[in-house]
């Protein structure tokens, strides 16, 4: 892993955690821009080392995507229920 990758990952983690702690409303462009940026960093890192993803890599990426999407949707639904349930 290069120093640039480490700095990028640490910066992104700090950014995401700080946004969650602040409790700001979500904006769609942030939700749609961060995943492709992280994917590009991963692809560049793999290309630098000459690694081509195999079938097991692709299966694990797809499984991770499905798990993350499921958790995200369930969390979003629970937030909606919580907010509407609190109104007097």
PDB file of N, CA and C in Angstrom:
ATOM      1  N   UNK A   1       0.846  -1.174   0.000  1.00  0.00           N
ATOM      2  CA  UNK A   1       0.000   0.000   0.000  1.00  0.00           C
ATOM      3  C   UNK A   1       0.893   1.239   0.000  1.00  0.00           C
ATOM      4  N   UNK A   2       0.566   2.162  -0.859  1.00  0.00           N
ATOM      5  CA  UNK A   2       1.388   3.367  -0.942  1.00  0.00           C
ATOM      6  C   UNK A   2       0.978   4.364   0.143  1.00  0.00           C
ATOM      7  N   UNK A   3       1.836   5.325   0.374  1.00  0.00           N
ATOM      8  CA  UNK A   3       1.551   6.357   1.383  1.00  0.00           C
ATOM      9  C   UNK A   3       0.334   7.185   0.964  1.00  0.00           C
ATOM     10  N   UNK A   4       0.188   7.428  -0.338  1.00  0.00           N
ATOM     11  CA  UNK A   4      -0.970   8.183  -0.831  1.00  0.00           C
ATOM     12  C   UNK A   4      -2.271   7.453  -0.514  1.00  0.00           C
ATOM     13  N   UNK A   5      -2.282   6.143  -0.693  1.00  0.00           N
ATOM     14  CA  UNK A   5      -3.475   5.352  -0.389  1.00  0.00           C
ATOM     15  C   UNK A   5      -3.806   5.417   1.094  1.00  0.00           C
ATOM     16  N   UNK A   6      -2.810   5.287   1.929  1.00  0.00           N
ATOM     17  CA  UNK A   6      -3.036   5.332   3.373  1.00  0.00           C
ATOM     18  C   UNK A   6      -3.589   6.685   3.795  1.00  0.00           C
ATOM     19  N   UNK A   7      -3.007   7.759   3.270  1.00  0.00           N
ATOM     20  CA  UNK A   7      -3.483   9.111   3.600  1.00  0.00           C
ATOM     21  C   UNK A   7      -4.914   9.308   3.098  1.00  0.00           C
ATOM     22  N   UNK A   8      -5.210   8.820   1.889  1.00  0.00           N
ATOM     23  CA  UNK A   8      -6.557   8.958   1.339  1.00  0.00           C
ATOM     24  C   UNK A   8      -7.577   8.204   2.186  1.00  0.00           C
ATOM     25  N   UNK A   9      -7.262   6.985   2.579  1.00  0.00           N
ATOM     26  CA  UNK A   9      -8.194   6.182   3.377  1.00  0.00           C
ATOM     27  C   UNK A   9      -8.425   6.822   4.748  1.00  0.00           C
ATOM     28  N   UNK A  10      -7.360   7.251   5.400  1.00  0.00           N
ATOM     29  CA  UNK A  10      -7.500   7.886   6.712  1.00  0.00           C
ATOM     30  C   UNK A  10      -8.319   9.174   6.589  1.00  0.00           C
ATOM     31  N   UNK A  11      -8.055   9.964   5.556  1.00  0.00           N
ATOM     32  CA  UNK A  11      -8.814  11.203   5.357  1.00  0.00           C
ATOM     33  C   UNK A  11     -10.293  10.947   5.119  1.00  0.00           C
ATOM     34  N   UNK A  12     -10.594   9.947   4.324  1.00  0.00           N
ATOM     35  CA  UNK A  12     -11.998   9.623   4.038  1.00  0.00           C
ATOM     36  C   UNK A  12     -12.697   9.118   5.289  1.00  0.00           C
ATOM     37  N   UNK A  13     -12.040   8.276   6.056  1.00  0.00           N
ATOM     38  CA  UNK A  13     -12.644   7.762   7.296  1.00  0.00           C
ATOM     39  C   UNK A  13     -12.916   8.909   8.265  1.00  0.00           C
ATOM     40  N   UNK A  14     -11.961   9.810   8.429  1.00  0.00           N
ATOM     41  CA  UNK A  14     -12.163  10.948   9.328  1.00  0.00           C
ATOM     42  C   UNK A  14     -13.310  11.818   8.833  1.00  0.00           C
ATOM     43  N   UNK A  15     -13.379  12.046   7.536  1.00  0.00           N
ATOM     44  CA  UNK A  15     -14.452  12.859   6.957  1.00  0.00           C
ATOM     45  C   UNK A  15     -15.824  12.230   7.217  1.00  0.00           C
ATOM     46  N   UNK A  16     -15.946  10.939   6.936  1.00  0.00           N
ATOM     47  CA  UNK A  16     -17.239  10.263   7.094  1.00  0.00           C
ATOM     48  C   UNK A  16     -17.662  10.238   8.560  1.00  0.00           C
ATOM     49  N   UNK A  17     -16.748   9.897   9.448  1.00  0.00           N
ATOM     50  CA  UNK A  17     -17.086   9.830  10.874  1.00  0.00           C
ATOM     51  C   UNK A  17     -17.460  11.206  11.410  1.00  0.00           C
ATOM     52  N   UNK A  18     -16.728  12.241  11.002  1.00  0.00           N
ATOM     53  CA  UNK A  18     -17.058  13.589  11.486  1.00  0.00           C
ATOM     54  C   UNK A  18     -18.427  14.029  10.996  1.00  0.00           C
ATOM     55  N   UNK A  19     -18.792  13.670   9.777  1.00  0.00           N
ATOM     56  CA  UNK A  19     -20.130  14.016   9.268  1.00  0.00           C
ATOM     57  C   UNK A  19     -21.214  13.289  10.049  1.00  0.00           C
ATOM     58  N   UNK A  20     -20.962  12.058  10.436  1.00  0.00           N
ATOM     59  CA  UNK A  20     -21.964  11.308  11.194  1.00  0.00           C
ATOM     60  C   UNK A  20     -22.120  11.889  12.593  1.00  0.00           C
ATOM     61  N   UNK A  21     -21.025  12.315  13.195  1.00  0.00           N
ATOM     62  CA  UNK A  21     -21.080  12.866  14.546  1.00  0.00           C
ATOM     63  C   UNK A  21     -21.819  14.206  14.545  1.00  0.00           C
ATOM     64  N   UNK A  22     -21.630  15.006  13.491  1.00  0.00           N
ATOM     65  CA  UNK A  22     -22.291  16.304  13.417  1.00  0.00           C
ATOM     66  C   UNK A  22     -23.808  16.171  13.253  1.00  0.00           C
ATOM     67  N   UNK A  23     -24.262  15.091  12.686  1.00  0.00           N
ATOM     68  CA  UNK A  23     -25.692  14.872  12.533  1.00  0.00           C
ATOM     69  C   UNK A  23     -26.325  15.724  11.445  1.00  0.00           C
ATOM     70  N   UNK A  24     -25.573  16.076  10.420  1.00  0.00           N
ATOM     71  CA  UNK A  24     -26.113  16.848   9.303  1.00  0.00           C
ATOM     72  C   UNK A  24     -27.038  15.978   8.458  1.00  0.00           C
ATOM     73  N   UNK A  25     -27.995  16.625   7.793  1.00  0.00           N
ATOM     74  CA  UNK A  25     -28.812  15.855   6.846  1.00  0.00           C
ATOM     75  C   UNK A  25     -27.951  15.373   5.677  1.00  0.00           C
ATOM     76  N   UNK A  26     -28.298  14.234   5.138  1.00  0.00           N
ATOM     77  CA  UNK A  26     -27.544  13.680   4.025  1.00  0.00           C
ATOM     78  C   UNK A  26     -27.861  14.432   2.743  1.00  0.00           C
ATOM     79  N   UNK A  27     -26.860  14.532   1.888  1.00  0.00           N
ATOM     80  CA  UNK A  27     -27.060  15.098   0.561  1.00  0.00           C
ATOM     81  C   UNK A  27     -26.731  14.019  -0.451  1.00  0.00           C
ATOM     82  N   UNK A  28     -27.565  13.926  -1.466  1.00  0.00           N
ATOM     83  CA  UNK A  28     -27.449  12.853  -2.454  1.00  0.00           C
ATOM     84  C   UNK A  28     -26.126  12.794  -3.172  1.00  0.00           C
ATOM     85  N   UNK A  29     -25.553  13.967  -3.497  1.00  0.00           N
ATOM     86  CA  UNK A  29     -24.297  13.935  -4.255  1.00  0.00           C
ATOM     87  C   UNK A  29     -23.165  13.307  -3.452  1.00  0.00           C
ATOM     88  N   UNK A  30     -23.178  13.463  -2.155  1.00  0.00           N
ATOM     89  CA  UNK A  30     -22.138  12.823  -1.333  1.00  0.00           C
ATOM     90  C   UNK A  30     -22.316  11.312  -1.322  1.00  0.00           C
ATOM     91  N   UNK A  31     -23.555  10.878  -1.307  1.00  0.00           N
ATOM     92  CA  UNK A  31     -23.806   9.437  -1.294  1.00  0.00           C
ATOM     93  C   UNK A  31     -23.395   8.785  -2.605  1.00  0.00           C
ATOM     94  N   UNK A  32     -23.445   9.561  -3.684  1.00  0.00           N
ATOM     95  CA  UNK A  32     -23.149   8.991  -4.988  1.00  0.00           C
ATOM     96  C   UNK A  32     -21.717   9.216  -5.446  1.00  0.00           C
ATOM     97  N   UNK A  33     -20.979  10.124  -4.830  1.00  0.00           N
ATOM     98  CA  UNK A  33     -19.620  10.386  -5.290  1.00  0.00           C
ATOM     99  C   UNK A  33     -18.554   9.618  -4.504  1.00  0.00           C
ATOM    100  N   UNK A  34     -18.756   9.397  -3.234  1.00  0.00           N
ATOM    101  CA  UNK A  34     -17.724   8.741  -2.424  1.00  0.00           C
ATOM    102  C   UNK A  34     -17.452   7.295  -2.842  1.00  0.00           C
ATOM    103  N   UNK A  35     -18.466   6.444  -3.083  1.00  0.00           N
ATOM    104  CA  UNK A  35     -18.161   5.065  -3.488  1.00  0.00           C
ATOM    105  C   UNK A  35     -17.334   4.955  -4.774  1.00  0.00           C
ATOM    106  N   UNK A  36     -17.639   5.723  -5.837  1.00  0.00           N
ATOM    107  CA  UNK A  36     -16.770   5.619  -7.025  1.00  0.00           C
ATOM    108  C   UNK A  36     -15.333   6.091  -6.763  1.00  0.00           C
ATOM    109  N   UNK A  37     -15.169   7.096  -5.898  1.00  0.00           N
ATOM    110  CA  UNK A  37     -13.819   7.552  -5.576  1.00  0.00           C
ATOM    111  C   UNK A  37     -13.050   6.440  -4.866  1.00  0.00           C
ATOM    112  N   UNK A  38     -13.707   5.794  -3.902  1.00  0.00           N
ATOM    113  CA  UNK A  38     -13.048   4.689  -3.196  1.00  0.00           C
ATOM    114  C   UNK A  38     -12.758   3.525  -4.131  1.00  0.00           C
ATOM    115  N   UNK A  39     -13.667   3.243  -5.056  1.00  0.00           N
ATOM    116  CA  UNK A  39     -13.444   2.171  -6.029  1.00  0.00           C
ATOM    117  C   UNK A  39     -12.256   2.503  -6.927  1.00  0.00           C
ATOM    118  N   UNK A  40     -12.148   3.768  -7.349  1.00  0.00           N
ATOM    119  CA  UNK A  40     -11.026   4.174  -8.196  1.00  0.00           C
ATOM    120  C   UNK A  40      -9.699   4.020  -7.459  1.00  0.00           C
ATOM    121  N   UNK A  41      -9.674   4.394  -6.188  1.00  0.00           N
ATOM    122  CA  UNK A  41      -8.448   4.233  -5.397  1.00  0.00           C
ATOM    123  C   UNK A  41      -8.074   2.754  -5.319  1.00  0.00           C
ATOM    124  N   UNK A  42      -9.048   1.893  -5.130  1.00  0.00           N
ATOM    125  CA  UNK A  42      -8.780   0.453  -5.076  1.00  0.00           C
ATOM    126  C   UNK A  42      -8.280  -0.097  -6.399  1.00  0.00           C
ATOM    127  N   UNK A  43      -8.892   0.325  -7.503  1.00  0.00           N
ATOM    128  CA  UNK A  43      -8.474  -0.144  -8.825  1.00  0.00           C
ATOM    129  C   UNK A  43      -7.054   0.324  -9.132  1.00  0.00           C
ATOM    130  N   UNK A  44      -6.762   1.592  -8.814  1.00  0.00           N
ATOM    131  CA  UNK A  44      -5.411   2.114  -9.044  1.00  0.00           C
ATOM    132  C   UNK A  44      -4.390   1.345  -8.212  1.00  0.00           C
ATOM    133  N   UNK A  45      -4.732   1.053  -6.969  1.00  0.00           N
ATOM    134  CA  UNK A  45      -3.823   0.311  -6.109  1.00  0.00           C
ATOM    135  C   UNK A  45      -3.567  -1.093  -6.666  1.00  0.00           C
ATOM    136  N   UNK A  46      -4.630  -1.748  -7.142  1.00  0.00           N
ATOM    137  CA  UNK A  46      -4.450  -3.079  -7.732  1.00  0.00           C
ATOM    138  C   UNK A  46      -3.618  -3.010  -9.015  1.00  0.00           C
ATOM    139  N   UNK A  47      -3.869  -1.998  -9.840  1.00  0.00           N
ATOM    140  CA  UNK A  47      -3.145  -1.879 -11.105  1.00  0.00           C
ATOM    141  C   UNK A  47      -1.652  -1.637 -10.866  1.00  0.00           C
ATOM    142  N   UNK A  48      -1.320  -0.895  -9.825  1.00  0.00           N
ATOM    143  CA  UNK A  48       0.091  -0.636  -9.517  1.00  0.00           C
ATOM    144  C   UNK A  48       0.841  -1.917  -9.174  1.00  0.00           C
ATOM    145  N   UNK A  49       0.130  -2.883  -8.644  1.00  0.00           N
ATOM    146  CA  UNK A  49       0.776  -4.130  -8.242  1.00  0.00           C
ATOM    147  C   UNK A  49       0.561  -5.251  -9.258  1.00  0.00           C
ATOM    148  N   UNK A  50      -0.069  -4.944 -10.386  1.00  0.00           N
ATOM    149  CA  UNK A  50      -0.252  -5.935 -11.446  1.00  0.00           C
ATOM    150  C   UNK A  50      -1.223  -7.038 -11.119  1.00  0.00           C
ATOM    151  N   UNK A  51      -2.133  -6.818 -10.202  1.00  0.00           N
ATOM    152  CA  UNK A  51      -3.093  -7.850  -9.809  1.00  0.00           C
ATOM    153  C   UNK A  51      -4.380  -7.690 -10.605  1.00  0.00           C
ATOM    154  N   UNK A  52      -4.839  -8.770 -11.179  1.00  0.00           N
ATOM    155  CA  UNK A  52      -6.131  -8.774 -11.856  1.00  0.00           C
ATOM    156  C   UNK A  52      -7.097  -9.560 -10.985  1.00  0.00           C
ATOM    157  N   UNK A  53      -8.286  -9.001 -10.716  1.00  0.00           N
ATOM    158  CA  UNK A  53      -9.226  -9.709  -9.834  1.00  0.00           C
ATOM    159  C   UNK A  53      -9.692 -11.025 -10.452  1.00  0.00           C
ATOM    160  N   UNK A  54      -9.698 -12.050  -9.612  1.00  0.00           N
ATOM    161  CA  UNK A  54     -10.188 -13.352 -10.041  1.00  0.00           C
ATOM    162  C   UNK A  54     -11.663 -13.510  -9.724  1.00  0.00           C
ATOM    163  N   UNK A  55     -12.178 -14.689  -9.990  1.00  0.00           N
ATOM    164  CA  UNK A  55     -13.612 -14.926  -9.774  1.00  0.00           C
ATOM    165  C   UNK A  55     -13.974 -14.843  -8.290  1.00  0.00           C
ATOM    166  N   UNK A  56     -13.099 -15.318  -7.415  1.00  0.00           N
ATOM    167  CA  UNK A  56     -13.403 -15.239  -5.985  1.00  0.00           C
ATOM    168  C   UNK A  56     -13.405 -13.786  -5.505  1.00  0.00           C
ATOM    169  N   UNK A  57     -12.522 -12.952  -6.076  1.00  0.00           N
ATOM    170  CA  UNK A  57     -12.510 -11.528  -5.730  1.00  0.00           C
ATOM    171  C   UNK A  57     -13.830 -10.871  -6.114  1.00  0.00           C
ATOM    172  N   UNK A  58     -14.304 -11.167  -7.304  1.00  0.00           N
ATOM    173  CA  UNK A  58     -15.548 -10.569  -7.793  1.00  0.00           C
ATOM    174  C   UNK A  58     -16.731 -11.038  -6.953  1.00  0.00           C
ATOM    175  N   UNK A  59     -16.757 -12.323  -6.603  1.00  0.00           N
ATOM    176  CA  UNK A  59     -17.838 -12.849  -5.757  1.00  0.00           C
ATOM    177  C   UNK A  59     -17.848 -12.147  -4.405  1.00  0.00           C
ATOM    178  N   UNK A  60     -16.683 -11.965  -3.803  1.00  0.00           N
ATOM    179  CA  UNK A  60     -16.621 -11.299  -2.501  1.00  0.00           C
ATOM    180  C   UNK A  60     -17.012  -9.825  -2.594  1.00  0.00           C
ATOM    181  N   UNK A  61     -16.644  -9.163  -3.674  1.00  0.00           N
ATOM    182  CA  UNK A  61     -17.052  -7.763  -3.863  1.00  0.00           C
ATOM    183  C   UNK A  61     -18.565  -7.664  -3.989  1.00  0.00           C
ATOM    184  N   UNK A  62     -19.161  -8.543  -4.776  1.00  0.00           N
ATOM    185  CA  UNK A  62     -20.618  -8.523  -4.950  1.00  0.00           C
ATOM    186  C   UNK A  62     -21.322  -8.853  -3.632  1.00  0.00           C
ATOM    187  N   UNK A  63     -20.824  -9.822  -2.896  1.00  0.00           N
ATOM    188  CA  UNK A  63     -21.426 -10.144  -1.598  1.00  0.00           C
ATOM    189  C   UNK A  63     -21.318  -8.960  -0.634  1.00  0.00           C
ATOM    190  N   UNK A  64     -20.172  -8.317  -0.613  1.00  0.00           N
ATOM    191  CA  UNK A  64     -20.005  -7.134   0.230  1.00  0.00           C
ATOM    192  C   UNK A  64     -20.962  -6.022  -0.163  1.00  0.00           C
ATOM    193  N   UNK A  65     -21.135  -5.827  -1.462  1.00  0.00           N
ATOM    194  CA  UNK A  65     -22.076  -4.819  -1.954  1.00  0.00           C
ATOM    195  C   UNK A  65     -23.505  -5.138  -1.516  1.00  0.00           C
ATOM    196  N   UNK A  66     -23.899  -6.401  -1.635  1.00  0.00           N
ATOM    197  CA  UNK A  66     -25.255  -6.792  -1.237  1.00  0.00           C
ATOM    198  C   UNK A  66     -25.474  -6.621   0.264  1.00  0.00           C
ATOM    199  N   UNK A  67     -24.490  -7.005   1.065  1.00  0.00           N
ATOM    200  CA  UNK A  67     -24.610  -6.852   2.518  1.00  0.00           C
ATOM    201  C   UNK A  67     -24.696  -5.372   2.887  1.00  0.00           C
ATOM    202  N   UNK A  68     -23.837  -4.553   2.297  1.00  0.00           N
ATOM    203  CA  UNK A  68     -23.843  -3.118   2.599  1.00  0.00           C
ATOM    204  C   UNK A  68     -25.155  -2.470   2.169  1.00  0.00           C
ATOM    205  N   UNK A  69     -25.668  -2.845   0.985  1.00  0.00           N
ATOM    206  CA  UNK A  69     -26.930  -2.277   0.513  1.00  0.00           C
ATOM    207  C   UNK A  69     -28.090  -2.694   1.420  1.00  0.00           C
ATOM    208  N   UNK A  70     -28.099  -3.949   1.846  1.00  0.00           N
ATOM    209  CA  UNK A  70     -29.158  -4.429   2.734  1.00  0.00           C
ATOM    210  C   UNK A  70     -29.129  -3.695   4.070  1.00  0.00           C
ATOM    211  N   UNK A  71     -27.950  -3.560   4.641  1.00  0.00           N
ATOM    212  CA  UNK A  71     -27.825  -2.847   5.914  1.00  0.00           C
ATOM    213  C   UNK A  71     -28.238  -1.389   5.750  1.00  0.00           C
ATOM    214  N   UNK A  72     -27.817  -0.761   4.652  1.00  0.00           N
ATOM    215  CA  UNK A  72     -28.173   0.632   4.407  1.00  0.00           C
ATOM    216  C   UNK A  72     -29.672   0.849   4.264  1.00  0.00           C
ATOM    217  N   UNK A  73     -30.315  -0.025   3.520  1.00  0.00           N
ATOM    218  CA  UNK A  73     -31.771   0.101   3.327  1.00  0.00           C
ATOM    219  C   UNK A  73     -32.499  -0.123   4.647  1.00  0.00           C
ATOM    220  N   UNK A  74     -32.118  -1.142   5.390  1.00  0.00           N
ATOM    221  CA  UNK A  74     -32.774  -1.406   6.677  1.00  0.00           C
ATOM    222  C   UNK A  74     -32.545  -0.254   7.660  1.00  0.00           C
ATOM    223  N   UNK A  75     -31.350   0.308   7.659  1.00  0.00           N
ATOM    224  CA  UNK A  75     -31.061   1.440   8.545  1.00  0.00           C
ATOM    225  C   UNK A  75     -31.882   2.660   8.130  1.00  0.00           C
ATOM    226  N   UNK A  76     -31.988   2.890   6.839  1.00  0.00           N
ATOM    227  CA  UNK A  76     -32.794   4.004   6.350  1.00  0.00           C
ATOM    228  C   UNK A  76     -34.262   3.852   6.712  1.00  0.00           C
ATOM    229  N   UNK A  77     -34.786   2.652   6.593  1.00  0.00           N
ATOM    230  CA  UNK A  77     -36.181   2.421   6.956  1.00  0.00           C
ATOM    231  C   UNK A  77     -36.405   2.603   8.455  1.00  0.00           C
ATOM    232  N   UNK A  78     -35.437   2.179   9.262  1.00  0.00           N
ATOM    233  CA  UNK A  78     -35.606   2.334  10.709  1.00  0.00           C
ATOM    234  C   UNK A  78     -35.546   3.805  11.099  1.00  0.00           C
ATOM    235  N   UNK A  79     -34.731   4.587  10.418  1.00  0.00           N
ATOM    236  CA  UNK A  79     -34.668   6.024  10.711  1.00  0.00           C
ATOM    237  C   UNK A  79     -35.982   6.699  10.354  1.00  0.00           C
ATOM    238  N   UNK A  80     -36.545   6.338   9.222  1.00  0.00           N
ATOM    239  CA  UNK A  80     -37.813   6.915   8.797  1.00  0.00           C
ATOM    240  C   UNK A  80     -38.903   6.592   9.821  1.00  0.00           C
ATOM    241  N   UNK A  81     -38.937   5.348  10.275  1.00  0.00           N
ATOM    242  CA  UNK A  81     -39.938   4.959  11.258  1.00  0.00           C
ATOM    243  C   UNK A  81     -39.723   5.687  12.570  1.00  0.00           C
ATOM    244  N   UNK A  82     -38.482   5.841  12.966  1.00  0.00           N
ATOM    245  CA  UNK A  82     -38.167   6.524  14.218  1.00  0.00           C
ATOM    246  C   UNK A  82     -38.590   7.986  14.169  1.00  0.00           C
ATOM    247  N   UNK A  83     -38.292   8.670  13.087  1.00  0.00           N
ATOM    248  CA  UNK A  83     -38.629  10.090  12.968  1.00  0.00           C
ATOM    249  C   UNK A  83     -40.128  10.271  12.915  1.00  0.00           C
ATOM    250  N   UNK A  84     -40.848   9.484  12.147  1.00  0.00           N
ATOM    251  CA  UNK A  84     -42.295   9.650  12.064  1.00  0.00           C
ATOM    252  C   UNK A  84     -42.978   9.211  13.345  1.00  0.00           C
ATOM    253  N   UNK A  85     -42.376   8.269  14.068  1.00  0.00           N
ATOM    254  CA  UNK A  85     -42.973   7.797  15.306  1.00  0.00           C
ATOM    255  C   UNK A  85     -42.838   8.797  16.456  1.00  0.00           C
ATOM    256  N   UNK A  86     -41.880   9.725  16.366  1.00  0.00           N
ATOM    257  CA  UNK A  86     -41.624  10.677  17.459  1.00  0.00           C
ATOM    258  C   UNK A  86     -42.488  11.919  17.392  1.00  0.00           C
ATOM    259  N   UNK A  87     -43.159  12.130  16.298  1.00  0.00           N
ATOM    260  CA  UNK A  87     -43.951  13.352  16.175  1.00  0.00           C
ATOM    261  C   UNK A  87     -45.170  13.296  17.076  1.00  0.00           C
ATOM    262  N   UNK A  88     -45.500  14.422  17.748  1.00  0.00           N
ATOM    263  CA  UNK A  88     -46.647  14.411  18.674  1.00  0.00           C
ATOM    264  C   UNK A  88     -47.966  14.362  17.963  1.00  0.00           C
TER     265      UNK A  88
END
